[in-house]
Amino acid sequence: MPKAGKGQLLIEVRAVAVNPLDAIIQSNGTVMYGWLQYPVILGEDVAGIVVETGTGVKDFAVGDRVVAYAMGLEKGRDEASESGFQAYAAVDAALAAPLPSTIAFEDGVVLPLAISTAAAGLFEEGQLGLDYSHLGNVAPREEIVVVWGGATAVGGNAIQLARAAGYRVVATASPKNHDQMRRLGAEAVYDYRDPEAADHIIEEVRSSVVAGILAVAVGSAEPSLRIARATRATKIAMASPPVSFYEQPRRRGLSLARTRLFLRLGTRTALLQVRSRAHGIRASFIWGSAIATSPVGPAIWGEYLPAALASGSHHLYPEARIEGDGLPAIQAAIDTLRRGVSAQKLVVTLDPAVRT
């Protein structure tokens, strides 16, 4: 049983969501998360009920319903107590928000990693560095943010956060998701599979200032760089590597497939950086947990999200798709995620009456 440390909440977990990060760490955690040692508890997205508060916690009490970003996998954290895929998890109160009684745990749990990564990409100084000082209460701006990959969990939340900060948004998504992207706040949406999608966006935003481009999902960096060059945008924030980590085997050790994967990764990343810098463009990779130690974290989790959830102004995106109940259902959910999911978040509920 974990204990709530200073500034933490101990929550009885009622729902968890799986993320690409969980699948990537499971396949090859030693590359991106070399400090983790098998066995590891995965999981970042949790929702549940507070059963204990640590010293210094003022805004939460035992019995509160919350949604939270579990930070156990990050360097220097305690993955055994602070990761999400367990019956009880210790989470930072600064990265938790009250969950209104009108929102089910399984619906609210879609948010934590997605909204944190979106916020890091949009607002961190080392990323797009957009102004977030008056989130949800700002006059509309003329600058445009391009979100390539709007139907992803990060993309859909980025659209909403950019709009809440007053920016106009142009996005890409599959045609079946275009109406949803407009409901989230995009003023124009293009099919990312269209070979001329980048040209359409360039034409759409040509007379406006592009404040930055958020590139989400594999394959988004190249068209984003093309748009940046044509519109004189100077910043691209990337939420995905240039190759899919799902293509590698899950077994440990070297293999031909893994070697080829990382050769492609290194080559494409290096070429992207060279081409970006040659045109005065900064292309940087997003680390969602960066908001935990910057002013962006309190602005999102402490100020924006509680009010936005209470009022319904921030939509719970993507839609929750229940994959089962109980901890044993999590692996099947991760395997389903590997096969591909569109505009949905795979969620597993944890019934407290049936603890496994």
Protein backbone atom coordinates (compact mmCIF):
# COMPACT_ATOMS: atom_id res chain seq x y z
CA MET A 1 0.00 0.00 0.00
CA PRO A 2 1.61 3.30 -1.07
CA LYS A 3 1.72 6.27 1.30
CA ALA A 4 0.95 9.85 0.39
CA GLY A 5 4.18 11.83 0.57
CA LYS A 6 4.55 15.56 1.00
CA GLY A 7 2.26 17.37 -1.42
CA GLN A 8 0.69 14.11 -2.57
CA LEU A 9 -2.66 12.36 -2.63
CA LEU A 10 -3.17 8.65 -2.19
CA ILE A 11 -6.07 7.66 -4.39
CA GLU A 12 -8.08 4.49 -4.69
CA VAL A 13 -7.91 4.00 -8.43
CA ARG A 14 -11.26 3.50 -10.15
CA ALA A 15 -10.17 3.86 -13.79
CA VAL A 16 -6.94 3.93 -15.79
CA ALA A 17 -6.21 4.69 -19.44
CA VAL A 18 -3.45 3.24 -21.59
CA ASN A 19 -1.14 5.38 -23.71
CA PRO A 20 1.35 4.80 -26.52
CA LEU A 21 4.02 5.56 -23.93
CA ASP A 22 3.07 2.41 -22.00
CA ALA A 23 3.48 0.27 -25.12
CA ILE A 24 6.76 1.95 -26.05
CA ILE A 25 8.27 1.47 -22.59
CA GLN A 26 7.13 -2.14 -22.55
CA SER A 27 8.85 -2.76 -25.89
CA ASN A 28 12.01 -0.75 -25.39
CA GLY A 29 12.05 1.20 -22.15
CA THR A 30 15.83 1.09 -21.87
CA VAL A 31 16.20 3.54 -24.76
CA MET A 32 13.91 6.37 -23.63
CA TYR A 33 13.64 5.43 -19.94
CA GLY A 34 17.00 3.88 -19.18
CA TRP A 35 16.63 4.47 -15.43
CA LEU A 36 13.75 1.98 -15.18
CA GLN A 37 14.59 -1.59 -14.16
CA TYR A 38 12.35 -4.59 -14.78
CA PRO A 39 9.84 -5.27 -13.27
CA VAL A 40 8.14 -1.90 -13.76
CA ILE A 41 4.65 -0.62 -13.01
CA LEU A 42 3.35 1.37 -15.98
CA GLY A 43 0.46 3.84 -16.20
CA GLU A 44 0.09 7.63 -16.24
CA ASP A 45 -3.66 8.26 -16.44
CA VAL A 46 -5.65 7.63 -13.26
CA ALA A 47 -8.99 8.65 -11.77
CA GLY A 48 -10.34 7.71 -8.38
CA ILE A 49 -11.10 8.75 -4.81
CA VAL A 50 -8.71 10.39 -2.36
CA VAL A 51 -8.12 8.14 0.67
CA GLU A 52 -5.18 10.01 2.21
CA THR A 53 -3.55 13.44 1.87
CA GLY A 54 0.11 14.19 2.45
CA THR A 55 1.54 17.11 4.37
CA GLY A 56 1.11 20.48 2.73
CA VAL A 57 -1.99 19.54 0.72
CA LYS A 58 -4.68 22.21 1.09
CA ASP A 59 -7.04 21.95 -1.87
CA PHE A 60 -8.07 18.29 -1.55
CA ALA A 61 -9.64 16.14 1.17
CA VAL A 62 -10.33 12.48 1.79
CA GLY A 63 -13.35 11.43 -0.26
CA ASP A 64 -12.73 13.81 -3.16
CA ARG A 65 -13.17 12.45 -6.68
CA VAL A 66 -10.09 13.32 -8.74
CA VAL A 67 -8.33 12.77 -12.04
CA ALA A 68 -4.53 12.84 -11.97
CA TYR A 69 -1.28 12.45 -13.87
CA ALA A 70 0.74 9.65 -12.27
CA MET A 71 4.44 10.50 -12.45
CA GLY A 72 6.08 7.28 -11.28
CA LEU A 73 7.89 6.53 -14.55
CA GLU A 74 9.78 9.83 -14.61
CA LYS A 75 13.43 10.02 -13.60
CA GLY A 76 13.92 10.35 -9.87
CA ARG A 77 10.37 9.24 -9.03
CA ASP A 78 9.16 6.13 -7.21
CA GLU A 79 7.51 4.00 -9.89
CA ALA A 80 6.41 1.41 -7.34
CA SER A 81 4.08 3.83 -5.54
CA GLU A 82 3.56 6.66 -8.02
CA SER A 83 2.60 4.77 -11.20
CA GLY A 84 -0.98 4.24 -12.26
CA PHE A 85 -1.63 0.58 -13.01
CA GLN A 86 -2.39 -0.52 -9.46
CA ALA A 87 -5.24 -0.42 -6.97
CA TYR A 88 -3.84 2.56 -5.06
CA ALA A 89 -1.47 5.22 -6.40
CA ALA A 90 0.32 8.19 -4.87
CA VAL A 91 0.03 11.26 -7.12
CA ASP A 92 1.17 14.86 -6.86
CA ALA A 93 -1.69 17.12 -5.78
CA ALA A 94 -0.27 19.74 -8.16
CA LEU A 95 -1.05 17.39 -11.07
CA ALA A 96 -4.56 16.46 -9.97
CA ALA A 97 -7.93 18.10 -10.50
CA PRO A 98 -11.35 17.65 -8.90
CA LEU A 99 -13.66 15.48 -10.98
CA PRO A 100 -17.28 16.71 -10.89
CA SER A 101 -19.88 14.16 -9.84
CA THR A 102 -21.41 14.50 -13.30
CA ILE A 103 -18.29 12.99 -14.91
CA ALA A 104 -17.68 9.25 -14.65
CA PHE A 105 -14.19 8.11 -13.68
CA GLU A 106 -13.83 6.27 -16.99
CA ASP A 107 -14.61 9.45 -18.94
CA GLY A 108 -12.36 11.80 -16.97
CA VAL A 109 -9.35 9.47 -17.03
CA VAL A 110 -8.76 10.14 -20.75
CA LEU A 111 -7.20 13.52 -19.96
CA PRO A 112 -4.02 13.49 -17.81
CA LEU A 113 -1.10 12.60 -20.10
CA ALA A 114 -2.79 13.98 -23.21
CA ILE A 115 -3.60 17.42 -21.81
CA SER A 116 -0.21 17.63 -20.05
CA THR A 117 1.68 16.81 -23.25
CA ALA A 118 -0.45 19.24 -25.25
CA ALA A 119 0.18 21.97 -22.68
CA ALA A 120 3.93 21.30 -22.69
CA GLY A 121 4.07 21.53 -26.49
CA LEU A 122 2.04 24.70 -26.69
CA PHE A 123 3.21 26.68 -23.67
CA GLU A 124 6.66 25.59 -22.48
CA GLU A 125 9.40 28.09 -23.34
CA GLY A 126 11.49 25.39 -25.01
CA GLN A 127 8.56 24.42 -27.25
CA LEU A 128 6.10 26.82 -28.96
CA GLY A 129 6.15 29.17 -25.96
CA LEU A 130 2.61 30.49 -26.49
CA ASP A 131 1.01 32.91 -24.04
CA TYR A 132 -1.17 31.10 -21.50
CA SER A 133 -1.49 33.89 -18.93
CA HIS A 134 -5.24 34.26 -19.41
CA LEU A 135 -6.41 30.77 -20.32
CA GLY A 136 -10.15 30.70 -20.83
CA ASN A 137 -10.48 34.45 -20.35
CA VAL A 138 -8.64 36.12 -23.20
CA ALA A 139 -9.66 38.16 -26.22
CA PRO A 140 -9.27 36.32 -29.54
CA ARG A 141 -5.90 36.65 -31.24
CA GLU A 142 -5.12 36.69 -34.94
CA GLU A 143 -2.18 34.28 -34.71
CA ILE A 144 -2.73 30.72 -35.87
CA VAL A 145 -1.54 27.45 -34.38
CA VAL A 146 -1.33 24.47 -36.75
CA VAL A 147 -2.02 21.07 -35.16
CA TRP A 148 -0.97 18.23 -37.48
CA GLY A 149 -2.71 15.21 -35.96
CA GLY A 150 -5.75 16.85 -34.40
CA ALA A 151 -7.68 13.62 -33.82
CA THR A 152 -4.98 12.18 -31.57
CA ALA A 153 -5.43 12.47 -27.81
CA VAL A 154 -2.71 15.14 -27.64
CA GLY A 155 -3.97 16.91 -30.75
CA GLY A 156 -7.59 17.16 -29.62
CA ASN A 157 -6.57 18.62 -26.28
CA ALA A 158 -4.07 20.95 -27.95
CA ILE A 159 -6.83 22.38 -30.15
CA GLN A 160 -8.88 23.17 -27.07
CA LEU A 161 -5.99 24.65 -25.08
CA ALA A 162 -4.85 26.82 -27.99
CA ARG A 163 -8.40 28.13 -28.44
CA ALA A 164 -8.69 28.73 -24.67
CA ALA A 165 -5.53 30.84 -24.94
CA GLY A 166 -7.14 32.84 -27.74
CA TYR A 167 -5.32 31.43 -30.77
CA ARG A 168 -6.94 30.37 -34.02
CA VAL A 169 -6.37 26.72 -34.94
CA VAL A 170 -5.98 24.86 -38.22
CA ALA A 171 -5.71 21.08 -37.93
CA THR A 172 -5.46 17.80 -39.81
CA ALA A 173 -7.47 14.62 -39.23
CA SER A 174 -9.19 11.83 -41.09
CA PRO A 175 -12.38 13.06 -42.82
CA LYS A 176 -14.56 11.09 -40.39
CA ASN A 177 -13.15 13.24 -37.55
CA HIS A 178 -13.43 16.65 -39.21
CA ASP A 179 -16.72 17.62 -37.56
CA GLN A 180 -15.33 16.65 -34.17
CA MET A 181 -12.23 18.79 -34.73
CA ARG A 182 -14.44 21.77 -35.51
CA ARG A 183 -16.46 21.17 -32.35
CA LEU A 184 -13.21 21.22 -30.39
CA GLY A 185 -12.37 24.60 -31.90
CA ALA A 186 -10.50 24.17 -35.19
CA GLU A 187 -11.64 26.69 -37.79
CA ALA A 188 -10.35 24.59 -40.70
CA VAL A 189 -9.50 20.89 -40.96
CA TYR A 190 -7.70 18.98 -43.72
CA ASP A 191 -7.19 15.29 -44.43
CA TYR A 192 -3.63 14.40 -43.41
CA ARG A 193 -3.60 11.62 -46.01
CA ASP A 194 -4.14 14.12 -48.84
CA PRO A 195 -0.78 14.65 -50.60
CA GLU A 196 -1.73 18.31 -50.95
CA ALA A 197 -2.78 18.80 -47.32
CA ALA A 198 0.30 20.88 -46.50
CA ASP A 199 -0.34 23.08 -49.56
CA HIS A 200 -3.95 23.62 -48.50
CA ILE A 201 -2.87 24.66 -45.02
CA ILE A 202 -0.22 27.00 -46.41
CA GLU A 203 -2.86 28.67 -48.56
CA GLU A 204 -5.29 28.81 -45.62
CA VAL A 205 -2.86 30.61 -43.29
CA ARG A 206 -0.79 32.57 -45.81
CA SER A 207 -2.07 36.00 -44.77
CA SER A 208 -1.78 35.30 -41.03
CA VAL A 209 1.02 34.89 -38.52
CA VAL A 210 1.64 31.25 -37.61
CA ALA A 211 2.60 31.21 -33.93
CA GLY A 212 3.81 27.64 -34.12
CA ILE A 213 3.13 24.11 -35.32
CA LEU A 214 2.36 21.11 -33.13
CA ALA A 215 3.34 17.90 -34.91
CA VAL A 216 1.59 14.85 -33.44
CA ALA A 217 1.85 11.23 -34.61
CA VAL A 218 4.43 9.45 -36.74
CA GLY A 219 5.02 11.16 -40.09
CA SER A 220 3.92 14.61 -38.94
CA ALA A 221 7.34 16.25 -38.83
CA GLU A 222 8.00 16.49 -42.58
CA PRO A 223 4.73 18.22 -43.58
CA SER A 224 5.02 20.44 -40.50
CA LEU A 225 8.49 21.55 -41.58
CA ARG A 226 7.18 22.30 -45.06
CA ILE A 227 4.39 24.46 -43.62
CA ALA A 228 6.83 26.25 -41.31
CA ARG A 229 9.16 27.09 -44.18
CA ALA A 230 6.33 28.44 -46.35
CA THR A 231 4.68 30.49 -43.58
CA ARG A 232 7.90 31.66 -41.87
CA ALA A 233 6.93 29.97 -38.63
CA THR A 234 9.99 29.49 -36.45
CA LYS A 235 8.90 26.75 -34.00
CA ILE A 236 7.74 23.15 -34.33
CA ALA A 237 6.93 21.06 -31.27
CA MET A 238 6.93 17.33 -31.97
CA ALA A 239 5.02 14.81 -29.85
CA SER A 240 6.12 11.70 -31.75
CA PRO A 241 9.37 10.27 -33.12
CA PRO A 242 9.82 10.07 -36.92
CA VAL A 243 9.40 6.26 -36.87
CA SER A 244 6.93 3.96 -35.15
CA PHE A 245 8.27 2.15 -32.09
CA TYR A 246 5.51 -0.41 -32.52
CA GLU A 247 7.51 -1.97 -35.37
CA GLN A 248 10.08 -3.54 -33.06
CA PRO A 249 9.88 -6.90 -31.29
CA ARG A 250 8.90 -6.98 -27.62
CA ARG A 251 11.63 -9.41 -26.67
CA ARG A 252 14.75 -8.03 -25.02
CA GLY A 253 18.17 -7.69 -26.65
CA LEU A 254 19.47 -6.80 -30.07
CA SER A 255 17.74 -7.90 -33.25
CA LEU A 256 17.92 -6.97 -36.92
CA ALA A 257 14.49 -5.31 -36.74
CA ARG A 258 15.47 -3.22 -33.73
CA THR A 259 18.81 -2.22 -35.28
CA ARG A 260 17.11 -1.08 -38.48
CA LEU A 261 14.49 0.82 -36.50
CA PHE A 262 17.05 2.85 -34.59
CA LEU A 263 19.16 3.48 -37.67
CA ARG A 264 16.07 4.99 -39.34
CA LEU A 265 15.26 6.93 -36.18
CA GLY A 266 18.74 8.42 -35.91
CA THR A 267 19.02 9.24 -39.60
CA ARG A 268 15.62 10.89 -39.92
CA THR A 269 16.01 12.85 -36.70
CA ALA A 270 19.41 14.17 -37.74
CA LEU A 271 18.20 15.15 -41.22
CA LEU A 272 15.15 16.89 -39.75
CA GLN A 273 17.32 18.94 -37.40
CA VAL A 274 19.73 19.93 -40.17
CA ARG A 275 16.94 21.01 -42.50
CA SER A 276 15.12 22.88 -39.72
CA ARG A 277 18.13 24.81 -38.56
CA ALA A 278 19.07 25.69 -42.12
CA HIS A 279 15.82 27.64 -42.32
CA GLY A 280 15.95 29.17 -38.83
CA ILE A 281 13.30 26.78 -37.45
CA ARG A 282 13.54 25.20 -34.01
CA ALA A 283 12.13 21.65 -34.04
CA SER A 284 12.00 20.14 -30.56
CA PHE A 285 10.56 17.00 -28.99
CA ILE A 286 7.93 17.39 -26.26
CA TRP A 287 8.38 15.82 -22.84
CA GLY A 288 4.92 15.98 -21.24
CA SER A 289 6.15 15.79 -17.65
CA ALA A 290 8.08 19.06 -18.10
CA ILE A 291 5.03 20.93 -16.82
CA ALA A 292 5.50 19.34 -13.38
CA THR A 293 8.45 21.64 -12.65
CA SER A 294 7.39 24.75 -14.56
CA PRO A 295 4.66 27.40 -14.18
CA VAL A 296 2.66 25.63 -16.91
CA GLY A 297 1.68 22.81 -14.53
CA PRO A 298 -0.15 24.98 -11.97
CA ALA A 299 -1.72 27.04 -14.74
CA ILE A 300 -3.25 23.94 -16.34
CA TRP A 301 -3.97 21.64 -13.40
CA GLY A 302 -4.57 24.19 -10.67
CA GLU A 303 -6.31 27.02 -12.48
CA TYR A 304 -7.65 26.05 -15.90
CA LEU A 305 -8.75 22.42 -15.62
CA PRO A 306 -10.87 22.51 -12.42
CA ALA A 307 -13.01 25.36 -13.75
CA ALA A 308 -13.11 23.96 -17.30
CA LEU A 309 -14.29 20.54 -16.10
CA ALA A 310 -16.90 22.06 -13.79
CA SER A 311 -18.31 24.24 -16.57
CA GLY A 312 -17.92 21.68 -19.36
CA SER A 313 -15.93 24.16 -21.45
CA HIS A 314 -13.12 21.62 -21.94
CA HIS A 315 -14.43 18.54 -23.71
CA LEU A 316 -13.32 15.13 -22.49
CA TYR A 317 -11.33 14.03 -25.49
CA PRO A 318 -10.82 11.46 -26.87
CA GLU A 319 -13.89 9.34 -26.21
CA ALA A 320 -13.36 6.59 -23.64
CA ARG A 321 -13.59 3.02 -24.92
CA ILE A 322 -13.90 0.54 -22.08
CA GLU A 323 -11.67 -2.48 -22.62
CA GLY A 324 -12.53 -4.37 -19.45
CA ASP A 325 -12.50 -4.27 -15.66
CA GLY A 326 -9.63 -5.14 -13.37
CA LEU A 327 -5.85 -5.01 -13.67
CA PRO A 328 -5.58 -8.15 -15.85
CA ALA A 329 -7.44 -6.31 -18.63
CA ILE A 330 -4.66 -3.75 -19.02
CA GLN A 331 -2.31 -5.88 -21.13
CA ALA A 332 -5.05 -6.66 -23.64
CA ALA A 333 -5.77 -2.93 -23.87
CA ILE A 334 -2.11 -2.18 -24.60
CA ASP A 335 -2.07 -4.88 -27.28
CA THR A 336 -5.19 -3.36 -28.85
CA LEU A 337 -3.50 0.05 -28.81
CA ARG A 338 -0.56 -1.38 -30.75
CA ARG A 339 -2.92 -2.46 -33.52
CA GLY A 340 -4.23 1.09 -33.89
CA VAL A 341 -7.01 3.18 -32.37
CA SER A 342 -8.52 6.36 -33.84
CA ALA A 343 -10.07 9.21 -31.81
CA GLN A 344 -10.57 6.95 -28.78
CA LYS A 345 -8.79 6.32 -25.49
CA LEU A 346 -8.68 2.75 -24.21
CA VAL A 347 -9.81 2.62 -20.59
CA VAL A 348 -9.88 -0.10 -17.95
CA THR A 349 -12.13 0.27 -14.90
CA LEU A 350 -11.18 -1.02 -11.46
CA ASP A 351 -14.12 -2.17 -9.40
CA PRO A 352 -13.12 -1.80 -5.71
CA ALA A 353 -15.34 -4.75 -4.86
CA VAL A 354 -13.18 -7.03 -6.98
CA ARG A 355 -9.52 -6.34 -6.22
CA THR A 356 -7.12 -8.53 -8.20
